[in-house]
């Protein structure tokens, strides 16, 4: 799977949420038809990415999952600390 578009979308969305977009790191792990994007942000931006009760994180995961479904791939986002 070409994960460039999904990775760029995740970078764009998260980049607009955080105060330190230069510290966004995304590692792509592929396993057959499954892709995991491991997202790392600056420690003080973690709350902005997760949101109250995890709402923002859930919406980010929903968006990225939908993009993966367009290519019949299972795409997950792990927010790493």
N, C-alpha and C. Protein backbone atom coordinates (compact mmCIF):
# COMPACT_ATOMS: atom_id res chain seq x y z
N UNK A 1 0.85 -1.19 0.00
CA UNK A 1 0.00 0.00 0.00
C UNK A 1 0.88 1.24 0.00
N UNK A 2 0.51 2.19 -0.81
CA UNK A 2 1.20 3.47 -0.78
C UNK A 2 0.61 4.30 0.36
N UNK A 3 1.37 4.42 1.42
CA UNK A 3 0.87 5.10 2.62
C UNK A 3 1.16 6.59 2.61
N UNK A 4 1.72 7.10 1.53
CA UNK A 4 2.10 8.51 1.47
C UNK A 4 0.91 9.44 1.72
N UNK A 5 -0.20 9.20 1.05
CA UNK A 5 -1.37 10.06 1.19
C UNK A 5 -1.95 10.04 2.59
N UNK A 6 -2.01 8.85 3.18
CA UNK A 6 -2.55 8.72 4.53
C UNK A 6 -1.62 9.41 5.53
N UNK A 7 -0.33 9.21 5.35
CA UNK A 7 0.66 9.83 6.24
C UNK A 7 0.61 11.36 6.12
N UNK A 8 0.49 11.85 4.90
CA UNK A 8 0.40 13.30 4.68
C UNK A 8 -0.87 13.88 5.32
N UNK A 9 -1.98 13.17 5.21
CA UNK A 9 -3.23 13.64 5.82
C UNK A 9 -3.10 13.69 7.33
N UNK A 10 -2.52 12.64 7.93
CA UNK A 10 -2.34 12.62 9.37
C UNK A 10 -1.42 13.76 9.81
N UNK A 11 -0.35 13.99 9.07
CA UNK A 11 0.57 15.09 9.37
C UNK A 11 -0.15 16.44 9.28
N UNK A 12 -0.96 16.61 8.26
CA UNK A 12 -1.70 17.86 8.07
C UNK A 12 -2.67 18.11 9.22
N UNK A 13 -3.48 17.11 9.54
CA UNK A 13 -4.50 17.27 10.59
C UNK A 13 -3.83 17.55 11.94
N UNK A 14 -2.85 16.73 12.30
CA UNK A 14 -2.19 16.90 13.59
C UNK A 14 -1.40 18.21 13.61
N UNK A 15 -0.79 18.56 12.49
CA UNK A 15 -0.02 19.79 12.41
C UNK A 15 -0.85 21.04 12.70
N UNK A 16 -2.14 20.97 12.38
CA UNK A 16 -3.03 22.10 12.65
C UNK A 16 -3.56 22.11 14.08
N UNK A 17 -3.31 21.06 14.82
CA UNK A 17 -3.77 20.99 16.21
C UNK A 17 -2.69 21.39 17.21
N UNK A 18 -1.45 21.09 16.89
CA UNK A 18 -0.36 21.22 17.87
C UNK A 18 0.36 22.56 17.75
N UNK A 19 1.10 22.91 18.81
CA UNK A 19 1.91 24.13 18.79
C UNK A 19 3.31 23.89 18.25
N UNK A 20 3.75 22.62 18.21
CA UNK A 20 5.09 22.29 17.73
C UNK A 20 5.00 21.28 16.58
N UNK A 21 4.52 21.72 15.41
CA UNK A 21 4.36 20.77 14.30
C UNK A 21 5.68 20.17 13.81
N UNK A 22 6.79 20.85 14.10
CA UNK A 22 8.09 20.32 13.67
C UNK A 22 8.48 19.07 14.46
N UNK A 23 7.79 18.79 15.55
CA UNK A 23 8.10 17.61 16.37
C UNK A 23 7.18 16.42 16.09
N UNK A 24 6.37 16.52 15.06
CA UNK A 24 5.50 15.40 14.68
C UNK A 24 6.37 14.32 14.04
N UNK A 25 6.22 13.10 14.53
CA UNK A 25 6.93 11.94 13.96
C UNK A 25 5.90 10.85 13.71
N UNK A 26 5.93 10.29 12.51
CA UNK A 26 5.00 9.22 12.16
C UNK A 26 5.81 8.06 11.60
N UNK A 27 5.67 6.92 12.25
CA UNK A 27 6.34 5.71 11.79
C UNK A 27 5.27 4.79 11.20
N UNK A 28 5.54 4.25 10.02
CA UNK A 28 4.58 3.39 9.33
C UNK A 28 5.02 1.93 9.49
N UNK A 29 4.13 1.11 10.03
CA UNK A 29 4.38 -0.32 10.19
C UNK A 29 3.36 -1.08 9.36
N UNK A 30 3.83 -1.84 8.37
CA UNK A 30 2.93 -2.60 7.51
C UNK A 30 3.00 -4.07 7.83
N UNK A 31 1.84 -4.71 7.86
CA UNK A 31 1.76 -6.14 8.13
C UNK A 31 0.65 -6.71 7.25
N UNK A 32 0.99 -7.14 6.06
CA UNK A 32 -0.01 -7.65 5.13
C UNK A 32 -0.95 -6.56 4.69
N UNK A 33 -2.25 -6.73 4.93
CA UNK A 33 -3.24 -5.72 4.54
C UNK A 33 -3.51 -4.73 5.67
N UNK A 34 -2.71 -4.81 6.72
CA UNK A 34 -2.88 -3.92 7.86
C UNK A 34 -1.72 -2.94 7.96
N UNK A 35 -2.04 -1.69 8.24
CA UNK A 35 -1.03 -0.64 8.38
C UNK A 35 -1.27 0.08 9.69
N UNK A 36 -0.20 0.26 10.47
CA UNK A 36 -0.30 1.01 11.72
C UNK A 36 0.58 2.24 11.60
N UNK A 37 0.00 3.39 11.90
CA UNK A 37 0.75 4.64 11.92
C UNK A 37 0.99 5.00 13.38
N UNK A 38 2.26 5.01 13.78
CA UNK A 38 2.60 5.38 15.15
C UNK A 38 2.91 6.87 15.17
N UNK A 39 2.07 7.62 15.87
CA UNK A 39 2.18 9.07 15.92
C UNK A 39 2.84 9.51 17.22
N UNK A 40 3.85 10.36 17.08
CA UNK A 40 4.51 10.95 18.24
C UNK A 40 4.49 12.46 18.08
N UNK A 41 4.14 13.16 19.17
CA UNK A 41 4.14 14.62 19.18
C UNK A 41 4.88 15.08 20.43
N UNK A 42 5.14 16.38 20.52
CA UNK A 42 5.78 16.94 21.71
C UNK A 42 4.89 16.65 22.93
N UNK A 43 5.52 16.47 24.08
CA UNK A 43 4.79 16.11 25.30
C UNK A 43 3.70 17.13 25.64
N UNK A 44 3.99 18.42 25.46
CA UNK A 44 2.98 19.42 25.81
C UNK A 44 1.87 19.54 24.76
N UNK A 45 2.00 18.85 23.63
CA UNK A 45 0.95 18.84 22.61
C UNK A 45 0.05 17.61 22.71
N UNK A 46 0.40 16.68 23.58
CA UNK A 46 -0.34 15.42 23.68
C UNK A 46 -1.83 15.66 23.99
N UNK A 47 -2.13 16.58 24.88
CA UNK A 47 -3.52 16.87 25.23
C UNK A 47 -4.32 17.41 24.06
N UNK A 48 -3.68 18.17 23.20
CA UNK A 48 -4.37 18.72 22.02
C UNK A 48 -4.73 17.63 21.03
N UNK A 49 -3.87 16.62 20.94
CA UNK A 49 -4.11 15.53 19.98
C UNK A 49 -5.16 14.56 20.52
N UNK A 50 -5.14 14.33 21.82
CA UNK A 50 -6.10 13.39 22.41
C UNK A 50 -7.46 14.05 22.61
N UNK A 51 -7.48 15.27 23.13
CA UNK A 51 -8.73 15.98 23.32
C UNK A 51 -9.47 15.52 24.57
N UNK A 52 -10.50 16.26 24.92
CA UNK A 52 -11.30 15.93 26.10
C UNK A 52 -12.01 14.59 25.86
N UNK A 53 -11.83 13.69 26.80
CA UNK A 53 -12.41 12.33 26.73
C UNK A 53 -11.98 11.58 25.48
N UNK A 54 -10.85 11.96 24.88
CA UNK A 54 -10.33 11.24 23.71
C UNK A 54 -11.08 11.51 22.42
N UNK A 55 -11.88 12.57 22.40
CA UNK A 55 -12.71 12.82 21.22
C UNK A 55 -11.89 13.15 19.97
N UNK A 56 -10.88 13.98 20.11
CA UNK A 56 -10.09 14.35 18.93
C UNK A 56 -9.34 13.14 18.40
N UNK A 57 -8.75 12.35 19.30
CA UNK A 57 -8.03 11.14 18.89
C UNK A 57 -8.98 10.19 18.14
N UNK A 58 -10.20 10.07 18.62
CA UNK A 58 -11.17 9.19 17.98
C UNK A 58 -11.50 9.68 16.58
N UNK A 59 -11.68 10.98 16.43
CA UNK A 59 -11.99 11.54 15.11
C UNK A 59 -10.81 11.39 14.14
N UNK A 60 -9.60 11.57 14.64
CA UNK A 60 -8.42 11.37 13.80
C UNK A 60 -8.38 9.92 13.32
N UNK A 61 -8.60 8.99 14.23
CA UNK A 61 -8.58 7.57 13.87
C UNK A 61 -9.68 7.24 12.86
N UNK A 62 -10.86 7.83 13.04
CA UNK A 62 -11.98 7.59 12.12
C UNK A 62 -11.63 8.08 10.71
N UNK A 63 -11.06 9.27 10.62
CA UNK A 63 -10.68 9.84 9.32
C UNK A 63 -9.64 8.97 8.61
N UNK A 64 -8.60 8.60 9.33
CA UNK A 64 -7.53 7.82 8.72
C UNK A 64 -8.01 6.41 8.36
N UNK A 65 -8.86 5.83 9.20
CA UNK A 65 -9.42 4.51 8.91
C UNK A 65 -10.25 4.56 7.63
N UNK A 66 -11.03 5.62 7.46
CA UNK A 66 -11.86 5.78 6.25
C UNK A 66 -10.98 5.90 5.01
N UNK A 67 -9.87 6.60 5.12
CA UNK A 67 -8.95 6.71 3.97
C UNK A 67 -8.40 5.35 3.60
N UNK A 68 -8.07 4.54 4.59
CA UNK A 68 -7.55 3.20 4.33
C UNK A 68 -8.58 2.30 3.70
N UNK A 69 -9.83 2.43 4.12
CA UNK A 69 -10.90 1.59 3.57
C UNK A 69 -11.10 1.84 2.08
N UNK A 70 -10.78 3.03 1.63
CA UNK A 70 -10.91 3.33 0.20
C UNK A 70 -9.96 2.47 -0.62
N UNK A 71 -8.88 1.98 0.01
CA UNK A 71 -7.92 1.12 -0.68
C UNK A 71 -7.97 -0.31 -0.15
N UNK A 72 -9.06 -0.66 0.54
CA UNK A 72 -9.23 -1.99 1.12
C UNK A 72 -8.09 -2.38 2.05
N UNK A 73 -7.65 -1.43 2.84
CA UNK A 73 -6.60 -1.67 3.84
C UNK A 73 -7.12 -1.30 5.21
N UNK A 74 -6.63 -1.98 6.21
CA UNK A 74 -6.98 -1.66 7.60
C UNK A 74 -5.88 -0.75 8.12
N UNK A 75 -6.22 0.49 8.37
CA UNK A 75 -5.25 1.48 8.84
C UNK A 75 -5.62 1.90 10.26
N UNK A 76 -4.64 1.83 11.14
CA UNK A 76 -4.85 2.22 12.54
C UNK A 76 -3.84 3.30 12.92
N UNK A 77 -4.23 4.14 13.85
CA UNK A 77 -3.34 5.18 14.36
C UNK A 77 -3.10 4.91 15.85
N UNK A 78 -1.83 4.74 16.20
CA UNK A 78 -1.44 4.62 17.61
C UNK A 78 -0.78 5.92 18.02
N UNK A 79 -1.30 6.53 19.07
CA UNK A 79 -0.70 7.76 19.59
C UNK A 79 0.26 7.36 20.69
N UNK A 80 1.54 7.54 20.42
CA UNK A 80 2.60 7.09 21.33
C UNK A 80 2.99 8.20 22.27
N UNK A 81 3.37 7.84 23.49
CA UNK A 81 3.86 8.85 24.43
C UNK A 81 5.35 8.75 24.60
